[in-house]
Amino acid sequence: MRQELAQAGYIEQLTFSLISYKDNYERMRQAVNFGECVQVSNPKTLEFEMVRTSLLPGLLKCLQGNKKEPIPQKVFEVSDCVVLAPESETGAKNVRKIAAMVCDQSSNFEVIHGLLDLIMCKVGCKMSKDYKLVEDSADVRYFTKRGVAIMLHGKKIGSMGVLHPEVLGNFELKYPVSCVEIEFEPMFDHFKNAK
């Protein structure tokens, strides 16, 4: 999957797994969800209070650090996030995710949508038959009516959309950003079962 994304013109990023509540939730316009996140009991700095639940804040921090570079900028990351899971032995579980974003003078939603279609094509998913996009007005990270939930066999596996201007302002970005974030495991299961 990394090779496919790189061949599509995206640059791979490797971001920190530990993050602050502010970056993971507040700067993304979300309330802190202590029922979801794994907290660090004695953090040495405020930057590393919890284990990330999303790859998007890390990618936004990469764009923030490179805002003087020419646009368009296309970045991606394939890595693990962690969420609480009381049924597991450790009380938490890793969730491998794929995230990508495009920063340009216009929102370029069609570019990020094309990347999602490429990913789904590579794992053997067909639009409408296996997966579909459903408007998700509850996701406050995105512009109203510009965010969608990605459904695979009726189950939500991710989201895609144009980030809200408040989110961009929180990360000091002056250009629009479109992004996609999906769970890897359900797609891989579909790929194995499709053969």
N, C-alpha and C. Protein backbone atom coordinates (compact mmCIF):
# COMPACT_ATOMS: atom_id res chain seq x y z
N MET A 1 0.83 -1.19 0.00
CA MET A 1 0.00 0.00 0.00
C MET A 1 0.87 1.26 0.00
N ARG A 2 1.98 1.20 0.74
CA ARG A 2 2.89 2.36 0.75
C ARG A 2 3.42 2.65 -0.65
N GLN A 3 3.78 1.60 -1.38
CA GLN A 3 4.29 1.79 -2.74
C GLN A 3 3.24 2.43 -3.64
N GLU A 4 2.00 1.97 -3.51
CA GLU A 4 0.92 2.53 -4.34
C GLU A 4 0.72 4.02 -4.06
N LEU A 5 0.73 4.38 -2.79
CA LEU A 5 0.55 5.79 -2.43
C LEU A 5 1.73 6.64 -2.89
N ALA A 6 2.94 6.09 -2.76
CA ALA A 6 4.13 6.82 -3.22
C ALA A 6 4.10 7.00 -4.73
N GLN A 7 3.68 5.96 -5.45
CA GLN A 7 3.60 6.05 -6.91
C GLN A 7 2.52 7.02 -7.37
N ALA A 8 1.54 7.28 -6.50
CA ALA A 8 0.49 8.25 -6.81
C ALA A 8 0.95 9.68 -6.54
N GLY A 9 2.21 9.86 -6.07
CA GLY A 9 2.76 11.19 -5.89
C GLY A 9 2.71 11.72 -4.47
N TYR A 10 2.42 10.86 -3.51
CA TYR A 10 2.35 11.28 -2.11
C TYR A 10 3.66 10.96 -1.41
N ILE A 11 4.04 11.80 -0.46
CA ILE A 11 5.30 11.62 0.28
C ILE A 11 4.98 11.04 1.65
N GLU A 12 5.66 9.94 2.00
CA GLU A 12 5.39 9.28 3.28
C GLU A 12 5.97 10.07 4.44
N GLN A 13 5.19 10.15 5.50
CA GLN A 13 5.60 10.81 6.74
C GLN A 13 5.62 9.77 7.86
N LEU A 14 6.49 9.95 8.82
CA LEU A 14 6.51 9.13 10.03
C LEU A 14 6.38 10.08 11.20
N THR A 15 5.23 10.04 11.87
CA THR A 15 4.96 10.99 12.94
C THR A 15 4.98 10.29 14.30
N PHE A 16 4.99 11.08 15.36
CA PHE A 16 5.02 10.55 16.72
C PHE A 16 3.73 9.80 17.04
N SER A 17 3.86 8.69 17.77
CA SER A 17 2.68 7.94 18.24
C SER A 17 2.07 8.60 19.46
N LEU A 18 2.90 9.27 20.26
CA LEU A 18 2.39 10.00 21.42
C LEU A 18 2.09 11.43 21.00
N ILE A 19 1.01 11.96 21.57
CA ILE A 19 0.52 13.27 21.14
C ILE A 19 -0.18 13.93 22.33
N SER A 20 -0.49 15.20 22.22
CA SER A 20 -1.21 15.89 23.29
C SER A 20 -2.72 15.80 23.06
N TYR A 21 -3.49 15.97 24.14
CA TYR A 21 -4.95 16.01 24.01
C TYR A 21 -5.34 17.15 23.07
N LYS A 22 -4.63 18.26 23.21
CA LYS A 22 -4.95 19.44 22.41
C LYS A 22 -4.82 19.14 20.91
N ASP A 23 -3.71 18.50 20.51
CA ASP A 23 -3.51 18.20 19.09
C ASP A 23 -4.49 17.15 18.60
N ASN A 24 -4.68 16.09 19.37
CA ASN A 24 -5.50 14.97 18.93
C ASN A 24 -6.99 15.33 18.89
N TYR A 25 -7.44 16.16 19.80
CA TYR A 25 -8.87 16.46 19.90
C TYR A 25 -9.21 17.93 19.68
N GLU A 26 -8.73 18.80 20.56
CA GLU A 26 -9.19 20.19 20.55
C GLU A 26 -8.86 20.93 19.26
N ARG A 27 -7.65 20.77 18.75
CA ARG A 27 -7.29 21.45 17.50
C ARG A 27 -8.04 20.87 16.31
N MET A 28 -8.61 19.68 16.48
CA MET A 28 -9.42 19.05 15.43
C MET A 28 -10.91 19.32 15.63
N ARG A 29 -11.25 20.24 16.56
CA ARG A 29 -12.63 20.65 16.86
C ARG A 29 -13.44 19.53 17.53
N GLN A 30 -12.78 18.66 18.28
CA GLN A 30 -13.47 17.57 18.95
C GLN A 30 -13.26 17.68 20.46
N ALA A 31 -14.22 17.16 21.22
CA ALA A 31 -14.07 17.09 22.68
C ALA A 31 -13.17 15.91 23.02
N VAL A 32 -12.39 16.05 24.07
CA VAL A 32 -11.50 14.96 24.51
C VAL A 32 -12.36 13.77 24.91
N ASN A 33 -12.05 12.61 24.35
CA ASN A 33 -12.81 11.39 24.61
C ASN A 33 -11.97 10.42 25.44
N PHE A 34 -12.12 10.51 26.77
CA PHE A 34 -11.33 9.65 27.65
C PHE A 34 -11.78 8.19 27.58
N GLY A 35 -12.95 7.94 27.02
CA GLY A 35 -13.43 6.57 26.84
C GLY A 35 -12.82 5.88 25.64
N GLU A 36 -12.08 6.65 24.83
CA GLU A 36 -11.47 6.11 23.61
C GLU A 36 -9.95 6.06 23.70
N CYS A 37 -9.34 7.08 24.32
CA CYS A 37 -7.88 7.23 24.23
C CYS A 37 -7.13 6.56 25.37
N VAL A 38 -5.90 6.14 25.05
CA VAL A 38 -4.99 5.57 26.04
C VAL A 38 -4.11 6.71 26.54
N GLN A 39 -4.17 6.96 27.86
CA GLN A 39 -3.45 8.07 28.45
C GLN A 39 -2.10 7.63 29.00
N VAL A 40 -1.12 8.52 28.90
CA VAL A 40 0.18 8.29 29.52
C VAL A 40 0.06 8.75 30.97
N SER A 41 0.37 7.88 31.93
CA SER A 41 0.11 8.19 33.34
C SER A 41 1.00 9.29 33.90
N ASN A 42 2.24 9.38 33.45
CA ASN A 42 3.14 10.39 33.99
C ASN A 42 3.96 11.01 32.85
N PRO A 43 3.28 11.81 31.99
CA PRO A 43 4.01 12.36 30.83
C PRO A 43 5.08 13.36 31.25
N LYS A 44 6.22 13.29 30.57
CA LYS A 44 7.31 14.22 30.87
C LYS A 44 7.05 15.60 30.28
N THR A 45 6.28 15.66 29.17
CA THR A 45 5.91 16.95 28.56
C THR A 45 4.44 16.91 28.18
N LEU A 46 3.86 18.07 27.97
CA LEU A 46 2.46 18.16 27.56
C LEU A 46 2.25 17.69 26.12
N GLU A 47 3.33 17.59 25.37
CA GLU A 47 3.23 17.14 23.98
C GLU A 47 2.94 15.64 23.87
N PHE A 48 3.21 14.87 24.93
CA PHE A 48 3.08 13.42 24.88
C PHE A 48 2.19 12.90 26.00
N GLU A 49 0.92 13.36 26.01
CA GLU A 49 -0.02 12.99 27.07
C GLU A 49 -0.77 11.70 26.79
N MET A 50 -0.88 11.30 25.54
CA MET A 50 -1.72 10.17 25.16
C MET A 50 -1.17 9.52 23.90
N VAL A 51 -1.71 8.34 23.57
CA VAL A 51 -1.38 7.68 22.32
C VAL A 51 -2.41 8.12 21.28
N ARG A 52 -1.97 8.45 20.10
CA ARG A 52 -2.86 9.01 19.08
C ARG A 52 -4.00 8.05 18.72
N THR A 53 -5.15 8.63 18.41
CA THR A 53 -6.30 7.86 17.94
C THR A 53 -6.54 8.11 16.46
N SER A 54 -5.81 9.06 15.89
CA SER A 54 -5.95 9.41 14.47
C SER A 54 -4.58 9.82 13.93
N LEU A 55 -4.37 9.57 12.65
CA LEU A 55 -3.13 9.99 12.00
C LEU A 55 -3.18 11.43 11.50
N LEU A 56 -4.38 11.99 11.40
CA LEU A 56 -4.54 13.31 10.79
C LEU A 56 -3.80 14.44 11.52
N PRO A 57 -3.84 14.53 12.87
CA PRO A 57 -3.11 15.62 13.52
C PRO A 57 -1.60 15.59 13.24
N GLY A 58 -1.02 14.40 13.20
CA GLY A 58 0.41 14.29 12.90
C GLY A 58 0.74 14.78 11.51
N LEU A 59 -0.12 14.43 10.53
CA LEU A 59 0.10 14.90 9.16
C LEU A 59 -0.08 16.41 9.06
N LEU A 60 -1.06 16.94 9.80
CA LEU A 60 -1.26 18.39 9.80
C LEU A 60 -0.05 19.11 10.40
N LYS A 61 0.56 18.52 11.43
CA LYS A 61 1.76 19.12 12.01
C LYS A 61 2.92 19.08 11.00
N CYS A 62 2.97 18.04 10.17
CA CYS A 62 4.00 18.00 9.10
C CYS A 62 3.77 19.12 8.10
N LEU A 63 2.51 19.33 7.70
CA LEU A 63 2.21 20.42 6.78
C LEU A 63 2.54 21.77 7.43
N GLN A 64 2.24 21.89 8.72
CA GLN A 64 2.54 23.13 9.45
C GLN A 64 4.04 23.41 9.45
N GLY A 65 4.83 22.37 9.64
CA GLY A 65 6.28 22.53 9.66
C GLY A 65 6.88 22.80 8.29
N ASN A 66 6.11 22.51 7.24
CA ASN A 66 6.60 22.70 5.87
C ASN A 66 5.78 23.74 5.11
N LYS A 67 5.13 24.66 5.83
CA LYS A 67 4.24 25.61 5.16
C LYS A 67 4.97 26.59 4.25
N LYS A 68 6.30 26.69 4.39
CA LYS A 68 7.06 27.58 3.50
C LYS A 68 7.46 26.89 2.20
N GLU A 69 7.21 25.58 2.13
CA GLU A 69 7.53 24.82 0.91
C GLU A 69 6.45 25.07 -0.15
N PRO A 70 6.79 24.87 -1.43
CA PRO A 70 5.79 25.12 -2.49
C PRO A 70 4.62 24.14 -2.42
N ILE A 71 3.47 24.61 -2.88
CA ILE A 71 2.29 23.75 -2.96
C ILE A 71 2.10 23.33 -4.40
N PRO A 72 1.39 22.27 -4.71
CA PRO A 72 0.66 21.40 -3.78
C PRO A 72 1.60 20.50 -2.98
N GLN A 73 1.14 20.16 -1.78
CA GLN A 73 1.84 19.19 -0.94
C GLN A 73 0.92 18.00 -0.73
N LYS A 74 1.44 16.82 -1.00
CA LYS A 74 0.67 15.58 -0.83
C LYS A 74 1.45 14.67 0.11
N VAL A 75 0.84 14.33 1.25
CA VAL A 75 1.52 13.50 2.25
C VAL A 75 0.63 12.34 2.65
N PHE A 76 1.26 11.26 3.15
CA PHE A 76 0.49 10.12 3.65
C PHE A 76 1.25 9.44 4.77
N GLU A 77 0.53 8.61 5.52
CA GLU A 77 1.14 7.79 6.56
C GLU A 77 0.32 6.50 6.69
N VAL A 78 1.02 5.39 6.84
CA VAL A 78 0.40 4.10 7.14
C VAL A 78 1.01 3.67 8.46
N SER A 79 0.22 3.70 9.51
CA SER A 79 0.77 3.41 10.83
C SER A 79 -0.34 3.05 11.80
N ASP A 80 0.06 2.74 13.04
CA ASP A 80 -0.89 2.32 14.06
C ASP A 80 -1.36 3.49 14.92
N CYS A 81 -2.62 3.41 15.29
CA CYS A 81 -3.20 4.24 16.32
C CYS A 81 -3.63 3.28 17.42
N VAL A 82 -3.97 3.79 18.58
CA VAL A 82 -4.36 2.93 19.69
C VAL A 82 -5.66 3.43 20.30
N VAL A 83 -6.57 2.50 20.59
CA VAL A 83 -7.83 2.83 21.26
C VAL A 83 -8.05 1.86 22.41
N LEU A 84 -8.83 2.31 23.38
CA LEU A 84 -9.17 1.44 24.49
C LEU A 84 -10.04 0.28 24.01
N ALA A 85 -9.77 -0.90 24.53
CA ALA A 85 -10.54 -2.10 24.18
C ALA A 85 -10.60 -2.99 25.41
N PRO A 86 -11.62 -2.83 26.25
CA PRO A 86 -11.70 -3.58 27.51
C PRO A 86 -11.66 -5.10 27.32
N GLU A 87 -12.08 -5.60 26.17
CA GLU A 87 -12.10 -7.04 25.93
C GLU A 87 -10.72 -7.63 25.65
N SER A 88 -9.74 -6.77 25.33
CA SER A 88 -8.40 -7.29 25.04
C SER A 88 -7.60 -7.50 26.32
N GLU A 89 -6.54 -8.28 26.20
CA GLU A 89 -5.72 -8.62 27.37
C GLU A 89 -5.07 -7.40 28.02
N THR A 90 -4.68 -6.44 27.20
CA THR A 90 -3.99 -5.25 27.71
C THR A 90 -4.94 -4.09 27.99
N GLY A 91 -6.18 -4.20 27.58
CA GLY A 91 -7.14 -3.11 27.76
C GLY A 91 -7.12 -2.10 26.64
N ALA A 92 -6.26 -2.34 25.65
CA ALA A 92 -6.18 -1.44 24.49
C ALA A 92 -5.80 -2.27 23.27
N LYS A 93 -6.02 -1.70 22.09
CA LYS A 93 -5.64 -2.41 20.87
C LYS A 93 -5.11 -1.44 19.83
N ASN A 94 -4.21 -1.95 19.00
CA ASN A 94 -3.67 -1.18 17.89
C ASN A 94 -4.66 -1.23 16.72
N VAL A 95 -4.81 -0.12 16.05
CA VAL A 95 -5.65 -0.04 14.86
C VAL A 95 -4.77 0.56 13.76
N ARG A 96 -4.41 -0.26 12.77
CA ARG A 96 -3.60 0.23 11.66
C ARG A 96 -4.49 1.08 10.76
N LYS A 97 -3.99 2.26 10.40
CA LYS A 97 -4.75 3.18 9.55
C LYS A 97 -3.90 3.69 8.40
N ILE A 98 -4.60 4.12 7.37
CA ILE A 98 -3.98 4.79 6.22
C ILE A 98 -4.58 6.19 6.18
N ALA A 99 -3.74 7.20 6.12
CA ALA A 99 -4.22 8.58 6.02
C ALA A 99 -3.41 9.31 4.96
N ALA A 100 -4.09 10.18 4.24
CA ALA A 100 -3.42 10.99 3.22
C ALA A 100 -4.10 12.35 3.16
N MET A 101 -3.32 13.37 2.79
CA MET A 101 -3.91 14.69 2.62
C MET A 101 -3.22 15.48 1.52
N VAL A 102 -4.00 16.40 0.97
CA VAL A 102 -3.52 17.28 -0.10
C VAL A 102 -3.73 18.71 0.35
N CYS A 103 -2.68 19.51 0.30
CA CYS A 103 -2.75 20.94 0.62
C CYS A 103 -2.45 21.70 -0.67
N ASP A 104 -3.41 22.54 -1.10
CA ASP A 104 -3.24 23.25 -2.37
C ASP A 104 -4.06 24.54 -2.33
N GLN A 105 -4.04 25.30 -3.42
CA GLN A 105 -4.78 26.56 -3.47
C GLN A 105 -6.29 26.35 -3.47
N SER A 106 -6.75 25.21 -3.96
CA SER A 106 -8.17 24.87 -3.88
C SER A 106 -8.29 23.57 -3.08
N SER A 107 -9.50 23.21 -2.72
CA SER A 107 -9.69 22.07 -1.80
C SER A 107 -9.27 20.73 -2.40
N ASN A 108 -9.37 20.58 -3.74
CA ASN A 108 -8.94 19.34 -4.41
C ASN A 108 -9.58 18.09 -3.83
N PHE A 109 -10.86 18.17 -3.49
CA PHE A 109 -11.56 17.00 -2.98
C PHE A 109 -11.53 15.86 -3.98
N GLU A 110 -11.60 16.21 -5.26
CA GLU A 110 -11.60 15.18 -6.30
C GLU A 110 -10.27 14.42 -6.34
N VAL A 111 -9.17 15.08 -5.96
CA VAL A 111 -7.86 14.42 -5.94
C VAL A 111 -7.81 13.37 -4.83
N ILE A 112 -8.27 13.73 -3.63
CA ILE A 112 -8.24 12.80 -2.51
C ILE A 112 -9.26 11.68 -2.73
N HIS A 113 -10.38 12.01 -3.38
CA HIS A 113 -11.39 10.99 -3.73
C HIS A 113 -10.79 10.00 -4.73
N GLY A 114 -10.02 10.51 -5.67
CA GLY A 114 -9.35 9.64 -6.64
C GLY A 114 -8.36 8.71 -5.96
N LEU A 115 -7.66 9.20 -4.93
CA LEU A 115 -6.74 8.36 -4.19
C LEU A 115 -7.49 7.25 -3.45
N LEU A 116 -8.63 7.59 -2.85
CA LEU A 116 -9.46 6.56 -2.19
C LEU A 116 -9.89 5.50 -3.20
N ASP A 117 -10.32 5.93 -4.38
CA ASP A 117 -10.73 4.97 -5.41
C ASP A 117 -9.57 4.07 -5.82
N LEU A 118 -8.37 4.63 -5.91
CA LEU A 118 -7.18 3.84 -6.24
C LEU A 118 -6.92 2.78 -5.17
N ILE A 119 -6.96 3.20 -3.90
CA ILE A 119 -6.75 2.26 -2.79
C ILE A 119 -7.77 1.14 -2.84
N MET A 120 -9.03 1.50 -3.00
CA MET A 120 -10.11 0.49 -3.01
C MET A 120 -9.98 -0.43 -4.21
N CYS A 121 -9.57 0.11 -5.35
CA CYS A 121 -9.37 -0.71 -6.55
C CYS A 121 -8.28 -1.74 -6.30
N LYS A 122 -7.21 -1.33 -5.62
CA LYS A 122 -6.07 -2.23 -5.37
C LYS A 122 -6.43 -3.38 -4.44
N VAL A 123 -7.43 -3.19 -3.56
CA VAL A 123 -7.85 -4.27 -2.67
C VAL A 123 -9.08 -5.01 -3.20
N GLY A 124 -9.50 -4.66 -4.42
CA GLY A 124 -10.60 -5.38 -5.06
C GLY A 124 -11.99 -4.94 -4.68
N CYS A 125 -12.13 -3.72 -4.15
CA CYS A 125 -13.45 -3.19 -3.78
C CYS A 125 -14.05 -2.43 -4.95
N LYS A 126 -15.33 -2.62 -5.16
CA LYS A 126 -16.03 -1.90 -6.22
C LYS A 126 -16.99 -0.89 -5.59
N MET A 127 -16.97 0.34 -6.14
CA MET A 127 -17.86 1.40 -5.65
C MET A 127 -19.30 0.95 -5.81
N SER A 128 -20.14 1.28 -4.85
CA SER A 128 -21.55 0.94 -4.77
C SER A 128 -21.79 -0.52 -4.40
N LYS A 129 -21.02 -1.45 -4.98
CA LYS A 129 -21.21 -2.86 -4.64
C LYS A 129 -20.60 -3.19 -3.28
N ASP A 130 -19.33 -2.86 -3.07
CA ASP A 130 -18.63 -3.18 -1.82
C ASP A 130 -18.54 -2.00 -0.87
N TYR A 131 -18.27 -0.82 -1.41
CA TYR A 131 -18.13 0.35 -0.54
C TYR A 131 -18.89 1.53 -1.11
N LYS A 132 -19.26 2.44 -0.20
CA LYS A 132 -19.94 3.66 -0.62
C LYS A 132 -19.60 4.79 0.34
N LEU A 133 -19.90 5.99 -0.09
CA LEU A 133 -19.65 7.19 0.71
C LEU A 133 -20.99 7.74 1.16
N VAL A 134 -21.08 8.05 2.46
CA VAL A 134 -22.32 8.55 3.05
C VAL A 134 -22.02 9.88 3.73
N GLU A 135 -22.83 10.90 3.45
CA GLU A 135 -22.60 12.20 4.07
C GLU A 135 -22.62 12.06 5.59
N ASP A 136 -21.64 12.69 6.24
CA ASP A 136 -21.49 12.59 7.69
C ASP A 136 -21.40 13.99 8.29
N SER A 137 -22.56 14.58 8.60
CA SER A 137 -22.58 15.94 9.13
C SER A 137 -22.15 15.98 10.60
N ALA A 138 -22.06 14.81 11.26
CA ALA A 138 -21.68 14.77 12.67
C ALA A 138 -20.17 14.94 12.86
N ASP A 139 -19.37 14.74 11.80
CA ASP A 139 -17.91 14.85 11.91
C ASP A 139 -17.52 16.32 11.79
N VAL A 140 -17.24 16.94 12.94
CA VAL A 140 -17.00 18.39 12.98
C VAL A 140 -15.64 18.80 12.45
N ARG A 141 -14.78 17.83 12.12
CA ARG A 141 -13.46 18.16 11.57
C ARG A 141 -13.58 18.73 10.16
N TYR A 142 -14.67 18.39 9.47
CA TYR A 142 -14.84 18.78 8.07
C TYR A 142 -15.84 19.91 7.92
N PHE A 143 -15.72 20.60 6.78
CA PHE A 143 -16.71 21.58 6.36
C PHE A 143 -18.08 20.92 6.35
N THR A 144 -19.13 21.68 6.66
CA THR A 144 -20.49 21.15 6.58
C THR A 144 -20.77 20.70 5.15
N LYS A 145 -21.30 19.51 5.01
CA LYS A 145 -21.62 18.88 3.72
C LYS A 145 -20.39 18.62 2.86
N ARG A 146 -19.20 18.66 3.46
CA ARG A 146 -17.96 18.35 2.73
C ARG A 146 -17.21 17.19 3.37
N GLY A 147 -17.88 16.48 4.29
CA GLY A 147 -17.27 15.32 4.93
C GLY A 147 -18.15 14.10 4.72
N VAL A 148 -17.51 12.96 4.46
CA VAL A 148 -18.26 11.73 4.23
C VAL A 148 -17.67 10.59 5.07
N ALA A 149 -18.54 9.65 5.41
CA ALA A 149 -18.10 8.42 6.05
C ALA A 149 -17.87 7.40 4.95
N ILE A 150 -16.82 6.60 5.08
CA ILE A 150 -16.52 5.55 4.11
C ILE A 150 -17.05 4.24 4.67
N MET A 151 -17.99 3.65 3.96
CA MET A 151 -18.66 2.43 4.42
C MET A 151 -18.21 1.24 3.56
N LEU A 152 -17.75 0.18 4.21
CA LEU A 152 -17.36 -1.05 3.52
C LEU A 152 -18.27 -2.16 4.04
N HIS A 153 -19.08 -2.71 3.15
CA HIS A 153 -20.06 -3.75 3.52
C HIS A 153 -20.93 -3.29 4.68
N GLY A 154 -21.35 -2.02 4.65
CA GLY A 154 -22.26 -1.48 5.65
C GLY A 154 -21.62 -1.04 6.96
N LYS A 155 -20.31 -1.16 7.09
CA LYS A 155 -19.62 -0.77 8.33
C LYS A 155 -18.68 0.40 8.04
N LYS A 156 -18.71 1.41 8.93
CA LYS A 156 -17.85 2.58 8.74
C LYS A 156 -16.40 2.19 9.00
N ILE A 157 -15.53 2.45 8.01
CA ILE A 157 -14.11 2.14 8.16
C ILE A 157 -13.23 3.40 8.09
N GLY A 158 -13.85 4.56 7.87
CA GLY A 158 -13.05 5.77 7.79
C GLY A 158 -13.86 6.99 7.40
N SER A 159 -13.14 8.06 7.10
CA SER A 159 -13.79 9.31 6.71
C SER A 159 -12.93 10.04 5.69
N MET A 160 -13.58 10.97 4.99
CA MET A 160 -12.89 11.75 3.97
C MET A 160 -13.59 13.10 3.86
N GLY A 161 -12.83 14.15 3.56
CA GLY A 161 -13.47 15.43 3.37
C GLY A 161 -12.50 16.59 3.30
N VAL A 162 -13.08 17.78 3.27
CA VAL A 162 -12.33 19.04 3.24
C VAL A 162 -12.32 19.55 4.68
N LEU A 163 -11.13 19.74 5.24
CA LEU A 163 -11.02 20.15 6.64
C LEU A 163 -11.60 21.54 6.87
N HIS A 164 -12.21 21.70 8.03
CA HIS A 164 -12.84 22.96 8.42
C HIS A 164 -11.78 24.06 8.56
N PRO A 165 -12.10 25.30 8.18
CA PRO A 165 -11.13 26.40 8.30
C PRO A 165 -10.59 26.60 9.72
N GLU A 166 -11.41 26.30 10.73
CA GLU A 166 -10.95 26.43 12.11
C GLU A 166 -9.81 25.44 12.41
N VAL A 167 -9.93 24.23 11.86
CA VAL A 167 -8.86 23.23 12.02
C VAL A 167 -7.59 23.74 11.34
N LEU A 168 -7.74 24.28 10.14
CA LEU A 168 -6.58 24.82 9.41
C LEU A 168 -5.93 25.96 10.18
N GLY A 169 -6.76 26.83 10.76
CA GLY A 169 -6.24 27.93 11.56
C GLY A 169 -5.50 27.44 12.80
N ASN A 170 -6.01 26.37 13.41
CA ASN A 170 -5.36 25.82 14.60
C ASN A 170 -3.97 25.28 14.29
N PHE A 171 -3.75 24.85 13.05
CA PHE A 171 -2.44 24.34 12.64
C PHE A 171 -1.68 25.36 11.78
N GLU A 172 -2.18 26.60 11.76
CA GLU A 172 -1.53 27.72 11.07
C GLU A 172 -1.33 27.46 9.58
N LEU A 173 -2.33 26.84 8.96
CA LEU A 173 -2.28 26.59 7.52
C LEU A 173 -3.20 27.57 6.80
N LYS A 174 -2.71 28.15 5.70
CA LYS A 174 -3.52 29.15 5.00
C LYS A 174 -4.17 28.63 3.73
N TYR A 175 -3.85 27.39 3.34
CA TYR A 175 -4.44 26.81 2.14
C TYR A 175 -5.40 25.68 2.52
N PRO A 176 -6.41 25.41 1.69
CA PRO A 176 -7.35 24.32 1.97
C PRO A 176 -6.65 22.96 1.98
N VAL A 177 -7.17 22.05 2.79
CA VAL A 177 -6.63 20.70 2.91
C VAL A 177 -7.78 19.70 2.82
N SER A 178 -7.63 18.72 1.92
CA SER A 178 -8.56 17.60 1.84
C SER A 178 -7.83 16.36 2.32
N CYS A 179 -8.55 15.49 3.02
CA CYS A 179 -7.87 14.31 3.57
C CYS A 179 -8.78 13.09 3.59
N VAL A 180 -8.14 11.95 3.73
CA VAL A 180 -8.84 10.67 3.88
C VAL A 180 -8.12 9.89 4.97
N GLU A 181 -8.90 9.17 5.78
CA GLU A 181 -8.32 8.29 6.80
C GLU A 181 -9.19 7.04 6.87
N ILE A 182 -8.56 5.88 6.68
CA ILE A 182 -9.31 4.62 6.69
C ILE A 182 -8.57 3.55 7.48
N GLU A 183 -9.34 2.63 8.04
CA GLU A 183 -8.76 1.50 8.76
C GLU A 183 -8.25 0.48 7.75
N PHE A 184 -7.08 -0.04 8.01
CA PHE A 184 -6.43 -0.97 7.09
C PHE A 184 -7.02 -2.38 7.17
N GLU A 185 -7.30 -2.85 8.37
CA GLU A 185 -7.70 -4.25 8.60
C GLU A 185 -8.94 -4.67 7.81
N PRO A 186 -10.05 -3.90 7.85
CA PRO A 186 -11.23 -4.32 7.07
C PRO A 186 -10.94 -4.42 5.57
N MET A 187 -10.12 -3.53 5.04
CA MET A 187 -9.78 -3.60 3.62
C MET A 187 -8.94 -4.83 3.32
N PHE A 188 -7.99 -5.14 4.20
CA PHE A 188 -7.14 -6.31 4.01
C PHE A 188 -7.97 -7.59 4.09
N ASP A 189 -8.94 -7.63 5.01
CA ASP A 189 -9.84 -8.79 5.11
C ASP A 189 -10.63 -8.96 3.82
N HIS A 190 -11.12 -7.85 3.25
CA HIS A 190 -11.85 -7.92 1.98
C HIS A 190 -10.93 -8.45 0.89
N PHE A 191 -9.69 -7.98 0.86
CA PHE A 191 -8.71 -8.40 -0.14
C PHE A 191 -8.46 -9.91 -0.05
N LYS A 192 -8.29 -10.43 1.18
CA LYS A 192 -8.04 -11.87 1.36
C LYS A 192 -9.25 -12.69 0.94
N ASN A 193 -10.46 -12.20 1.27
CA ASN A 193 -11.69 -12.96 0.96
C ASN A 193 -12.09 -12.85 -0.49
N ALA A 194 -11.61 -11.82 -1.20
CA ALA A 194 -11.99 -11.62 -2.60
C ALA A 194 -11.25 -12.56 -3.52
N LYS A 195 -10.16 -13.17 -3.05
CA LYS A 195 -9.35 -14.04 -3.91
C LYS A 195 -10.00 -15.40 -4.11
